[in-house]
């Protein structure tokens, strides 16, 4: 029975991996490769045999990729669109470091769920034969749910880390933007200077704005898109101020200077808030780690002396 369960779980993992491969290798790419080979044969003047041409392809392209693509399409078909939109939103907020699609991320969640659930089941059935079947089932379900939410936790952590990095970098970036604008550069050229001088999350976001502007997107729309993809109030306020100054004809240098002062005050307030939270966060390690160790060190010698004195004997 254990071997059958392990075999079924391995099949599920293999199916999930095939789904990932299928989503990573869309049908259009394989068709392009096939068309390129047909062009090569037509230019050489050799009579084309489609069966030989198909058999000449690697095994991955002939067998694995088509199966995986069908599984990927089947998974996406039965996935709620709102769920995919929510995952896409979180990927945008996190910067999408792996450049993956929401459907691929969903499949990664399924792979993690199956993998952790299989590990929990195998551990309980192989190393603990006396465990009741109800507990084994419960721990397997808990492991599966935990594995499913591990990628979500990792993504949420990336979102928080990215937002903190951008929030810390904004005052200095606005100072540099102010200096560049006062020196006579345009706002786009000033953003290019920030991208050139720094290599962080904020410079990456500004670089994306510049690329969208070069592709023909309006600057205010590109800035609004950046604000939505970052999701912090400081960036929303900055973008709104820049757009208003552009529409009303206000001096951009003055607006940037005011925004930089406000960002610096906001960063100081957040630092003070974190400092005020520190004593409360220190209570947990002090209560469960430091205080018990101190009690053991201070009271253990006295306890040994009392025990050796014979007070409790007889």
Protein backbone atom coordinates (compact mmCIF):
# COMPACT_ATOMS: atom_id res chain seq x y z
CA UNK A 1 0.00 0.00 0.00
CA UNK A 2 2.84 2.38 0.85
CA UNK A 3 4.55 1.65 -2.47
CA UNK A 4 1.31 2.35 -4.34
CA UNK A 5 0.85 5.67 -2.54
CA UNK A 6 4.42 6.69 -3.31
CA UNK A 7 3.96 5.71 -6.97
CA UNK A 8 0.78 7.78 -7.26
CA UNK A 9 2.46 10.78 -5.64
CA UNK A 10 5.41 10.50 -8.01
CA UNK A 11 3.00 10.46 -10.93
CA UNK A 12 1.33 13.62 -9.61
CA UNK A 13 4.70 15.33 -9.23
CA UNK A 14 5.68 14.30 -12.75
CA UNK A 15 2.38 15.65 -14.08
CA UNK A 16 2.94 18.96 -12.30
CA UNK A 17 6.45 19.21 -13.73
CA UNK A 18 5.07 18.54 -17.20
CA UNK A 19 2.54 21.33 -16.67
CA UNK A 20 5.36 23.72 -15.82
CA UNK A 21 7.29 22.67 -18.91
CA UNK A 22 4.21 23.09 -21.06
CA UNK A 23 3.52 26.57 -19.74
CA UNK A 24 7.16 27.51 -20.19
CA UNK A 25 7.23 26.28 -23.79
CA UNK A 26 4.17 27.59 -25.61
CA UNK A 27 2.99 26.10 -28.83
CA UNK A 28 3.96 29.12 -30.90
CA UNK A 29 7.66 28.65 -30.14
CA UNK A 30 7.61 25.03 -31.29
CA UNK A 31 5.69 26.01 -34.42
CA UNK A 32 8.32 28.65 -35.19
CA UNK A 33 11.07 26.04 -34.94
CA UNK A 34 9.16 23.73 -37.27
CA UNK A 35 8.57 26.55 -39.79
CA UNK A 36 12.27 27.45 -39.74
CA UNK A 37 13.17 23.85 -40.59
CA UNK A 38 10.60 23.80 -43.40
CA UNK A 39 12.17 26.97 -44.82
CA UNK A 40 15.60 25.35 -44.71
CA UNK A 41 14.36 22.32 -46.65
CA UNK A 42 12.52 24.49 -49.19
CA UNK A 43 15.60 26.62 -49.82
CA UNK A 44 17.81 23.58 -50.28
CA UNK A 45 15.41 22.14 -52.90
CA UNK A 46 15.14 18.75 -51.17
CA UNK A 47 11.73 17.08 -51.13
CA UNK A 48 10.21 17.46 -47.68
CA UNK A 49 9.05 14.37 -45.82
CA UNK A 50 6.96 15.56 -42.88
CA UNK A 51 7.27 12.27 -41.02
CA UNK A 52 11.07 12.29 -41.25
CA UNK A 53 11.11 15.98 -40.35
CA UNK A 54 9.05 15.32 -37.24
CA UNK A 55 11.17 12.32 -36.24
CA UNK A 56 14.30 14.45 -36.65
CA UNK A 57 13.17 16.66 -33.77
CA UNK A 58 14.52 15.96 -30.28
CA UNK A 59 12.54 13.69 -28.00
CA UNK A 60 11.63 16.61 -25.71
CA UNK A 61 10.04 18.54 -28.58
CA UNK A 62 8.28 15.53 -30.06
CA UNK A 63 6.83 13.95 -26.90
CA UNK A 64 7.42 15.80 -23.64
CA UNK A 65 6.55 19.34 -24.72
CA UNK A 66 3.22 18.44 -26.44
CA UNK A 67 2.05 16.42 -23.43
CA UNK A 68 3.15 19.12 -21.03
CA UNK A 69 1.49 21.82 -23.12
CA UNK A 70 -1.83 19.95 -23.08
CA UNK A 71 -1.61 19.57 -19.30
CA UNK A 72 -0.81 23.26 -18.94
CA UNK A 73 -3.77 24.28 -21.07
CA UNK A 74 -6.03 21.93 -19.09
CA UNK A 75 -4.87 23.43 -15.78
CA UNK A 76 -5.35 27.02 -16.92
CA UNK A 77 -8.83 26.23 -18.31
CA UNK A 78 -10.15 25.16 -14.88
CA UNK A 79 -8.39 27.86 -12.84
CA UNK A 80 -10.62 30.78 -11.70
CA UNK A 81 -9.67 34.00 -13.47
CA UNK A 82 -9.92 36.02 -10.26
CA UNK A 83 -7.34 33.75 -8.66
CA UNK A 84 -4.97 34.25 -11.59
CA UNK A 85 -5.52 38.02 -11.42
CA UNK A 86 -4.72 38.02 -7.71
CA UNK A 87 -1.51 36.07 -8.28
CA UNK A 88 -0.58 38.39 -11.15
CA UNK A 89 -1.08 41.41 -8.87
CA UNK A 90 1.17 39.94 -6.19
CA UNK A 91 3.82 39.07 -8.76
CA UNK A 92 3.79 42.68 -9.96
CA UNK A 93 4.08 44.00 -6.42
CA UNK A 94 6.97 41.61 -5.77
CA UNK A 95 8.83 42.65 -8.91
CA UNK A 96 8.38 39.17 -10.44
CA UNK A 97 12.07 38.22 -10.06
CA UNK A 98 11.63 34.92 -11.89
CA UNK A 99 9.60 36.47 -14.75
CA UNK A 100 6.96 33.76 -14.41
CA UNK A 101 3.30 33.77 -15.39
CA UNK A 102 0.48 33.47 -12.83
CA UNK A 103 -0.41 30.04 -14.22
CA UNK A 104 3.18 28.85 -13.72
CA UNK A 105 3.14 30.15 -10.15
CA UNK A 106 -0.11 28.27 -9.51
CA UNK A 107 1.47 25.09 -10.82
CA UNK A 108 4.48 25.67 -8.57
CA UNK A 109 2.06 25.84 -5.65
CA UNK A 110 0.57 22.50 -6.70
CA UNK A 111 4.05 20.98 -7.01
CA UNK A 112 4.99 22.25 -3.54
CA UNK A 113 1.72 20.96 -2.09
CA UNK A 114 2.17 17.50 -3.59
CA UNK A 115 5.84 17.38 -2.62
CA UNK A 116 5.37 18.38 1.03
CA UNK A 117 2.31 16.17 1.37
CA UNK A 118 4.22 13.21 -0.07
CA UNK A 119 7.14 13.83 2.30
CA UNK A 120 4.78 13.93 5.28
CA UNK A 121 2.99 10.75 4.18
CA UNK A 122 6.18 8.81 3.49
CA UNK A 123 7.72 9.92 6.78
CA UNK A 124 4.70 8.87 8.80
CA UNK A 125 4.19 5.53 7.04
CA UNK A 126 7.82 4.44 6.81
CA UNK A 127 9.38 5.69 10.05
CA UNK A 128 6.34 5.40 12.31
CA UNK A 129 4.39 2.21 11.67
CA UNK A 130 2.43 2.50 14.93
CA UNK A 131 0.83 5.85 14.08
CA UNK A 132 -2.95 5.60 13.60
CA UNK A 133 -4.20 6.07 10.07
CA UNK A 134 -6.32 9.06 11.14
CA UNK A 135 -3.26 10.94 12.35
CA UNK A 136 -1.36 10.04 9.19
CA UNK A 137 -4.18 11.39 7.05
CA UNK A 138 -4.44 14.57 9.13
CA UNK A 139 -0.69 15.25 9.00
CA UNK A 140 -0.66 14.60 5.26
CA UNK A 141 -3.47 17.12 4.73
CA UNK A 142 -1.69 19.67 6.92
CA UNK A 143 1.57 19.13 5.02
CA UNK A 144 -0.21 19.50 1.68
CA UNK A 145 -1.85 22.76 2.73
CA UNK A 146 1.45 24.05 4.13
CA UNK A 147 3.24 23.18 0.91
CA UNK A 148 0.56 24.93 -1.14
CA UNK A 149 0.99 28.18 0.81
CA UNK A 150 4.81 28.13 0.98
CA UNK A 151 5.16 29.90 -2.43
CA UNK A 152 2.50 32.41 -1.33
CA UNK A 153 4.46 33.14 1.84
CA UNK A 154 7.66 33.55 -0.16
CA UNK A 155 5.94 35.90 -2.60
CA UNK A 156 4.40 38.00 0.20
CA UNK A 157 7.82 38.25 1.80
CA UNK A 158 9.29 39.49 -1.49
CA UNK A 159 6.54 42.11 -1.77
CA UNK A 160 7.25 43.44 1.73
CA UNK A 161 11.01 43.41 1.16
CA UNK A 162 10.68 45.26 -2.15
CA UNK A 163 8.37 47.90 -0.71
CA UNK A 164 10.71 48.53 2.23
CA UNK A 165 13.68 48.84 -0.11
CA UNK A 166 11.87 51.37 -2.30
CA UNK A 167 10.63 53.32 0.72
CA UNK A 168 14.17 53.62 2.10
CA UNK A 169 15.65 54.66 -1.26
CA UNK A 170 13.05 57.26 -2.23
CA UNK A 171 14.38 60.31 -0.26
CA UNK A 172 17.91 59.97 -1.66
CA UNK A 173 16.56 59.32 -5.15
CA UNK A 174 14.39 62.43 -4.97
CA UNK A 175 17.41 64.47 -3.83
CA UNK A 176 19.31 63.28 -6.90
CA UNK A 177 16.31 64.02 -9.12
CA UNK A 178 16.11 67.53 -7.63
CA UNK A 179 19.81 68.19 -8.25
CA UNK A 180 19.57 66.97 -11.84
CA UNK A 181 16.45 69.05 -12.58
CA UNK A 182 17.99 72.16 -11.03
CA UNK A 183 21.09 71.59 -13.16
CA UNK A 184 18.94 71.91 -16.28
CA UNK A 185 18.06 68.30 -17.12
CA UNK A 186 14.55 67.24 -18.01
CA UNK A 187 12.61 64.91 -15.73
CA UNK A 188 13.16 61.92 -18.01
CA UNK A 189 16.90 62.61 -18.19
CA UNK A 190 16.97 62.97 -14.39
CA UNK A 191 15.32 59.57 -14.01
CA UNK A 192 17.90 58.14 -16.42
CA UNK A 193 20.64 59.52 -14.15
CA UNK A 194 19.10 57.76 -11.14
CA UNK A 195 18.95 54.52 -13.13
CA UNK A 196 22.58 54.98 -14.17
CA UNK A 197 23.91 55.71 -10.67
CA UNK A 198 21.98 53.14 -8.66
CA UNK A 199 21.10 49.48 -8.92
CA UNK A 200 18.15 48.74 -6.64
CA UNK A 201 14.42 48.14 -6.79
CA UNK A 202 13.59 51.82 -7.25
CA UNK A 203 16.03 52.26 -10.14
CA UNK A 204 14.55 49.15 -11.78
CA UNK A 205 11.06 50.65 -11.50
CA UNK A 206 12.24 53.97 -12.97
CA UNK A 207 14.02 52.11 -15.77
CA UNK A 208 10.75 50.39 -16.65
CA UNK A 209 9.04 53.81 -16.76
CA UNK A 210 11.69 55.08 -19.19
CA UNK A 211 11.31 52.00 -21.40
CA UNK A 212 7.53 52.42 -21.52
CA UNK A 213 7.95 56.10 -22.45
CA UNK A 214 10.32 55.15 -25.25
CA UNK A 215 7.72 52.70 -26.55
CA UNK A 216 5.20 55.53 -26.86
CA UNK A 217 3.38 55.47 -23.55
CA UNK A 218 2.53 58.81 -21.96
CA UNK A 219 4.73 59.72 -19.02
CA UNK A 220 1.84 60.19 -16.60
CA UNK A 221 0.43 56.78 -17.54
CA UNK A 222 3.82 55.14 -17.10
CA UNK A 223 4.23 56.80 -13.70
CA UNK A 224 0.74 55.71 -12.61
CA UNK A 225 1.55 52.17 -13.71
CA UNK A 226 4.75 52.26 -11.64
CA UNK A 227 2.81 53.50 -8.61
CA UNK A 228 0.27 50.68 -8.96
CA UNK A 229 3.01 48.06 -9.35
CA UNK A 230 4.79 49.23 -6.19
CA UNK A 231 1.75 49.78 -3.97
CA UNK A 232 3.05 52.21 -1.30
CA UNK A 233 1.49 55.53 -0.32
CA UNK A 234 4.77 57.41 -0.67
CA UNK A 235 5.09 56.51 -4.34
CA UNK A 236 1.43 57.32 -4.98
CA UNK A 237 1.88 60.78 -3.44
CA UNK A 238 5.06 61.40 -5.42
CA UNK A 239 3.49 60.39 -8.74
CA UNK A 240 0.41 62.52 -8.08
CA UNK A 241 2.59 65.55 -7.29
CA UNK A 242 4.70 65.08 -10.45
CA UNK A 243 1.62 64.74 -12.68
CA UNK A 244 -0.02 67.82 -11.13
CA UNK A 245 3.14 69.89 -11.54
CA UNK A 246 3.32 68.83 -15.18
CA UNK A 247 -0.32 69.73 -15.84
CA UNK A 248 -0.29 73.04 -13.91
CA UNK A 249 3.15 74.20 -15.00
CA UNK A 250 4.61 74.34 -11.47
CA UNK A 251 8.40 74.21 -11.06
CA UNK A 252 9.43 70.56 -11.01
CA UNK A 253 12.50 71.27 -8.84
CA UNK A 254 10.36 72.80 -6.06
CA UNK A 255 7.93 69.89 -6.17
CA UNK A 256 10.75 67.35 -5.97
CA UNK A 257 12.38 69.23 -3.10
CA UNK A 258 9.14 69.25 -1.10
CA UNK A 259 8.53 65.60 -1.85
CA UNK A 260 12.06 64.68 -0.75
CA UNK A 261 11.55 66.45 2.61
CA UNK A 262 8.23 64.68 3.12
CA UNK A 263 9.77 61.29 2.25
CA UNK A 264 12.59 61.87 4.72
CA UNK A 265 10.13 62.75 7.48
CA UNK A 266 8.06 59.68 6.63
CA UNK A 267 11.16 57.46 6.72
CA UNK A 268 12.08 58.84 10.15
CA UNK A 269 8.57 58.18 11.42
CA UNK A 270 8.68 54.60 10.20
CA UNK A 271 12.07 54.10 11.88
CA UNK A 272 10.67 55.44 15.17
CA UNK A 273 7.66 53.14 14.82
CA UNK A 274 9.92 50.11 14.34
CA UNK A 275 11.99 51.20 17.36
CA UNK A 276 8.88 51.38 19.51
CA UNK A 277 7.91 47.87 18.42
CA UNK A 278 11.32 46.44 19.33
CA UNK A 279 10.72 46.06 23.13
CA UNK A 280 7.49 44.17 22.53
CA UNK A 281 9.17 41.86 20.02
CA UNK A 282 12.00 41.23 22.50
CA UNK A 283 9.59 39.91 25.14
CA UNK A 284 9.13 36.56 23.36
CA UNK A 285 12.82 35.53 23.25
CA UNK A 286 13.38 36.97 26.74
CA UNK A 287 10.45 35.07 28.24
CA UNK A 288 11.07 31.71 26.55
CA UNK A 289 14.86 31.66 26.03
CA UNK A 290 16.79 34.14 28.17
CA UNK A 291 14.85 34.01 31.45
CA UNK A 292 14.73 30.16 31.67
CA UNK A 293 18.48 30.01 31.00
CA UNK A 294 19.16 32.59 33.72
CA UNK A 295 16.96 30.69 36.18
CA UNK A 296 18.80 27.47 35.46
CA UNK A 297 22.21 29.13 35.90
CA UNK A 298 21.25 30.94 39.12
CA UNK A 299 19.12 28.32 40.85
CA UNK A 300 20.79 25.07 39.77
CA UNK A 301 23.79 25.36 42.22
CA UNK A 302 21.49 26.16 45.14
CA UNK A 303 19.21 23.27 44.20
CA UNK A 304 22.16 20.84 44.10
CA UNK A 305 23.36 22.04 47.52
CA UNK A 306 19.91 21.53 49.01
CA UNK A 307 19.69 18.04 47.53
CA UNK A 308 23.16 17.08 48.81
CA UNK A 309 22.46 18.44 52.30
CA UNK A 310 20.06 15.59 52.95
CA UNK A 311 17.13 17.86 53.76
CA UNK A 312 14.77 15.76 51.69
CA UNK A 313 16.17 12.38 52.75
CA UNK A 314 14.44 10.21 55.25
